[in-house]
Amino acid sequence: MGNRLSKIYTKTGDDGSTGLGDGSRIAKDSLRVTAYGTVDEANSCIGLLLASDMPVDIRDLLTSIQHQLFDLGGELCIPGHSAIDDADVERLEQRLDHYNDALPPLKDFILPGGGEAAARCHVARTVVRRAERETVALARAEAVRPQAVRYLNRLSDLLFVLARVLARASGHGEVLWQHERRR
């Protein structure tokens, strides 16, 4: 287990740098800090989603995902560290298939909405997509394991499917894009 913080502010970041998990210092606006910071933001969005009413199986899944996102943030914060593996990506795929199989095929685009939990799930999905883009940008400049990018890609897909499930479970239903609307 890592060091425990007894004092929250250290003033060591006042110069615009922050410490990585390996003890090195890096600029707070670096690609690495941006990537793991957005993973942390995605985790917070899932925490907000978990404050909504939802089926227990989805709640348990999202709680498990929060732990994995924390692990992923650690992987990105410690160059050379690995915390997410192929089995984690495969588990996401299995859950994605499980929830998607019960849904009707998509014929239209879906707008974010469909009740509180579904809307929060859409917000989490878009933040995970941003985390994915930022992790890809980091991977172009530094070594990043491909499992990290794949995990974020599958997670955003899973959150899309879960938003559909939650919209239906809430009774609000999905909000379909009306591409032929009149102004």
Protein backbone atom coordinates (compact mmCIF):
# COMPACT_ATOMS: atom_id res chain seq x y z
CA MET A 1 0.00 0.00 0.00
CA GLY A 2 1.28 3.46 -0.84
CA ASN A 3 1.99 6.35 1.45
CA ARG A 4 -0.90 7.80 3.44
CA LEU A 5 -1.45 11.54 3.27
CA SER A 6 -1.61 13.14 6.69
CA LYS A 7 -1.53 16.65 5.23
CA ILE A 8 -3.49 17.36 2.04
CA TYR A 9 -1.54 20.36 0.84
CA THR A 10 2.20 20.05 0.35
CA LYS A 11 2.92 23.19 -1.72
CA THR A 12 5.22 21.09 -3.93
CA GLY A 13 2.91 21.67 -6.88
CA ASP A 14 2.92 25.43 -6.60
CA ASP A 15 5.49 25.57 -9.40
CA GLY A 16 3.11 23.83 -11.84
CA SER A 17 4.55 20.35 -11.36
CA THR A 18 3.15 17.22 -9.76
CA GLY A 19 4.61 13.96 -8.55
CA LEU A 20 4.07 10.73 -10.44
CA GLY A 21 3.67 7.40 -8.70
CA ASP A 22 7.33 6.59 -9.30
CA GLY A 23 8.45 9.73 -7.47
CA SER A 24 9.43 11.73 -10.54
CA ARG A 25 8.09 15.24 -11.11
CA ILE A 26 6.21 16.28 -14.24
CA ALA A 27 4.31 19.34 -15.48
CA LYS A 28 0.67 19.38 -14.41
CA ASP A 29 -0.41 20.04 -18.00
CA SER A 30 1.55 17.09 -19.45
CA LEU A 31 -0.19 14.49 -21.59
CA ARG A 32 0.26 11.89 -18.84
CA VAL A 33 -1.35 14.00 -16.11
CA THR A 34 -4.14 15.00 -18.48
CA ALA A 35 -4.86 11.35 -19.30
CA TYR A 36 -4.95 10.03 -15.75
CA GLY A 37 -6.76 13.16 -14.59
CA THR A 38 -9.55 12.50 -17.06
CA VAL A 39 -9.70 8.86 -15.96
CA ASP A 40 -10.23 10.23 -12.44
CA GLU A 41 -12.94 12.56 -13.76
CA ALA A 42 -14.66 9.60 -15.44
CA ASN A 43 -14.53 7.72 -12.15
CA SER A 44 -16.19 10.70 -10.45
CA CYS A 45 -18.90 10.73 -13.12
CA ILE A 46 -19.59 7.07 -12.42
CA GLY A 47 -19.76 7.95 -8.71
CA LEU A 48 -22.41 10.55 -9.53
CA LEU A 49 -24.23 7.98 -11.66
CA LEU A 50 -24.20 5.58 -8.70
CA ALA A 51 -26.09 8.21 -6.67
CA SER A 52 -29.09 7.49 -8.94
CA ASP A 53 -31.61 4.70 -8.63
CA MET A 54 -30.69 1.70 -10.75
CA PRO A 55 -30.87 -2.10 -10.81
CA VAL A 56 -28.54 -3.83 -8.34
CA ASP A 57 -26.64 -5.74 -11.04
CA ILE A 58 -25.73 -2.49 -12.83
CA ARG A 59 -24.79 -0.86 -9.51
CA ASP A 60 -22.46 -3.76 -8.70
CA LEU A 61 -20.91 -3.63 -12.18
CA LEU A 62 -20.31 0.13 -12.00
CA THR A 63 -18.75 -0.18 -8.54
CA SER A 64 -16.37 -2.81 -9.88
CA ILE A 65 -15.54 -0.53 -12.82
CA GLN A 66 -14.74 2.30 -10.41
CA HIS A 67 -12.06 0.12 -8.81
CA GLN A 68 -10.65 -0.75 -12.23
CA LEU A 69 -10.59 2.92 -13.26
CA PHE A 70 -8.64 3.69 -10.11
CA ASP A 71 -6.21 0.93 -11.10
CA LEU A 72 -6.00 2.35 -14.63
CA GLY A 73 -5.27 5.81 -13.24
CA GLY A 74 -2.44 4.25 -11.26
CA GLU A 75 -1.13 2.55 -14.37
CA LEU A 76 -1.05 5.87 -16.21
CA CYS A 77 0.46 7.65 -13.19
CA ILE A 78 3.37 5.21 -12.88
CA PRO A 79 5.30 4.89 -16.15
CA GLY A 80 5.93 1.21 -16.90
CA HIS A 81 3.33 -0.03 -14.39
CA SER A 82 0.59 -2.45 -15.49
CA ALA A 83 -2.76 -2.81 -13.74
CA ILE A 84 -5.30 -3.46 -16.50
CA ASP A 85 -4.95 -6.67 -18.48
CA ASP A 86 -6.66 -8.46 -21.34
CA ALA A 87 -9.01 -10.27 -18.94
CA ASP A 88 -10.35 -6.90 -17.72
CA VAL A 89 -11.16 -5.91 -21.30
CA GLU A 90 -12.76 -9.29 -21.96
CA ARG A 91 -14.96 -8.94 -18.85
CA LEU A 92 -16.20 -5.59 -20.15
CA GLU A 93 -16.98 -7.22 -23.50
CA GLN A 94 -18.93 -10.00 -21.79
CA ARG A 95 -21.01 -7.51 -19.79
CA LEU A 96 -21.51 -5.40 -22.91
CA ASP A 97 -22.81 -8.42 -24.85
CA HIS A 98 -25.02 -9.45 -21.92
CA TYR A 99 -26.80 -6.08 -21.70
CA ASN A 100 -26.85 -5.38 -25.42
CA ASP A 101 -28.42 -8.75 -26.32
CA ALA A 102 -31.63 -7.76 -24.49
CA LEU A 103 -31.96 -4.45 -26.36
CA PRO A 104 -33.67 -3.92 -29.70
CA PRO A 105 -31.33 -3.07 -32.58
CA LEU A 106 -30.59 0.61 -33.07
CA LYS A 107 -32.32 2.23 -36.01
CA ASP A 108 -31.81 5.85 -34.97
CA PHE A 109 -29.25 7.89 -33.08
CA ILE A 110 -29.96 8.32 -29.38
CA LEU A 111 -29.69 11.67 -27.65
CA PRO A 112 -28.35 11.84 -24.09
CA GLY A 113 -31.30 11.68 -21.73
CA GLY A 114 -33.91 9.11 -20.82
CA GLY A 115 -34.12 9.81 -17.10
CA GLU A 116 -31.62 10.83 -14.46
CA ALA A 117 -29.53 7.65 -14.34
CA ALA A 118 -29.41 7.31 -18.13
CA ALA A 119 -28.42 10.97 -18.57
CA ARG A 120 -25.65 10.63 -15.98
CA CYS A 121 -24.49 7.47 -17.72
CA HIS A 122 -24.24 9.40 -20.99
CA VAL A 123 -22.11 12.06 -19.27
CA ALA A 124 -19.82 9.33 -17.89
CA ARG A 125 -19.62 7.81 -21.39
CA THR A 126 -18.49 11.07 -22.96
CA VAL A 127 -15.86 11.66 -20.26
CA VAL A 128 -14.55 8.12 -20.78
CA ARG A 129 -14.32 8.85 -24.52
CA ARG A 130 -12.26 11.95 -23.73
CA ALA A 131 -10.04 9.88 -21.42
CA GLU A 132 -9.56 7.46 -24.30
CA ARG A 133 -8.58 10.25 -26.71
CA GLU A 134 -6.14 11.69 -24.19
CA THR A 135 -4.63 8.27 -23.50
CA VAL A 136 -4.18 7.75 -27.24
CA ALA A 137 -2.41 11.12 -27.43
CA LEU A 138 -0.16 10.05 -24.55
CA ALA A 139 0.54 6.72 -26.29
CA ARG A 140 1.80 8.59 -29.35
CA ALA A 141 4.38 10.39 -27.21
CA GLU A 142 5.25 7.81 -24.52
CA ALA A 143 4.89 4.11 -23.83
CA VAL A 144 1.32 3.16 -22.88
CA ARG A 145 0.11 -0.42 -22.81
CA PRO A 146 -2.59 -1.10 -25.43
CA GLN A 147 -4.84 -2.63 -22.76
CA ALA A 148 -5.37 0.83 -21.28
CA VAL A 149 -6.74 2.22 -24.54
CA ARG A 150 -8.82 -0.89 -25.25
CA TYR A 151 -10.29 -0.81 -21.74
CA LEU A 152 -11.44 2.79 -22.16
CA ASN A 153 -12.83 2.06 -25.62
CA ARG A 154 -14.91 -0.88 -24.36
CA LEU A 155 -15.98 1.00 -21.26
CA SER A 156 -17.44 3.86 -23.29
CA ASP A 157 -19.32 1.32 -25.41
CA LEU A 158 -20.59 -0.41 -22.27
CA LEU A 159 -21.74 2.90 -20.78
CA PHE A 160 -23.68 3.64 -23.97
CA VAL A 161 -25.46 0.31 -23.70
CA LEU A 162 -26.06 0.79 -19.97
CA ALA A 163 -27.57 4.22 -20.68
CA ARG A 164 -30.03 2.51 -23.02
CA VAL A 165 -30.84 -0.10 -20.37
CA LEU A 166 -31.26 2.55 -17.67
CA ALA A 167 -33.52 4.70 -19.87
CA ARG A 168 -35.80 1.74 -20.44
CA ALA A 169 -35.69 0.62 -16.78
CA SER A 170 -36.68 4.12 -15.58
CA GLY A 171 -39.76 4.19 -17.79
CA HIS A 172 -38.55 7.33 -19.56
CA GLY A 173 -37.37 5.45 -22.62
CA GLU A 174 -34.65 6.42 -25.03
CA VAL A 175 -34.59 9.87 -26.60
CA LEU A 176 -34.32 9.36 -30.35
CA TRP A 177 -32.79 11.97 -32.61
CA GLN A 178 -35.40 13.44 -34.94
CA HIS A 179 -33.38 14.03 -38.07
CA GLU A 180 -36.36 15.20 -40.11
CA ARG A 181 -37.74 17.69 -37.60
CA ARG A 182 -39.21 20.99 -38.68
CA ARG A 183 -37.87 24.26 -37.41
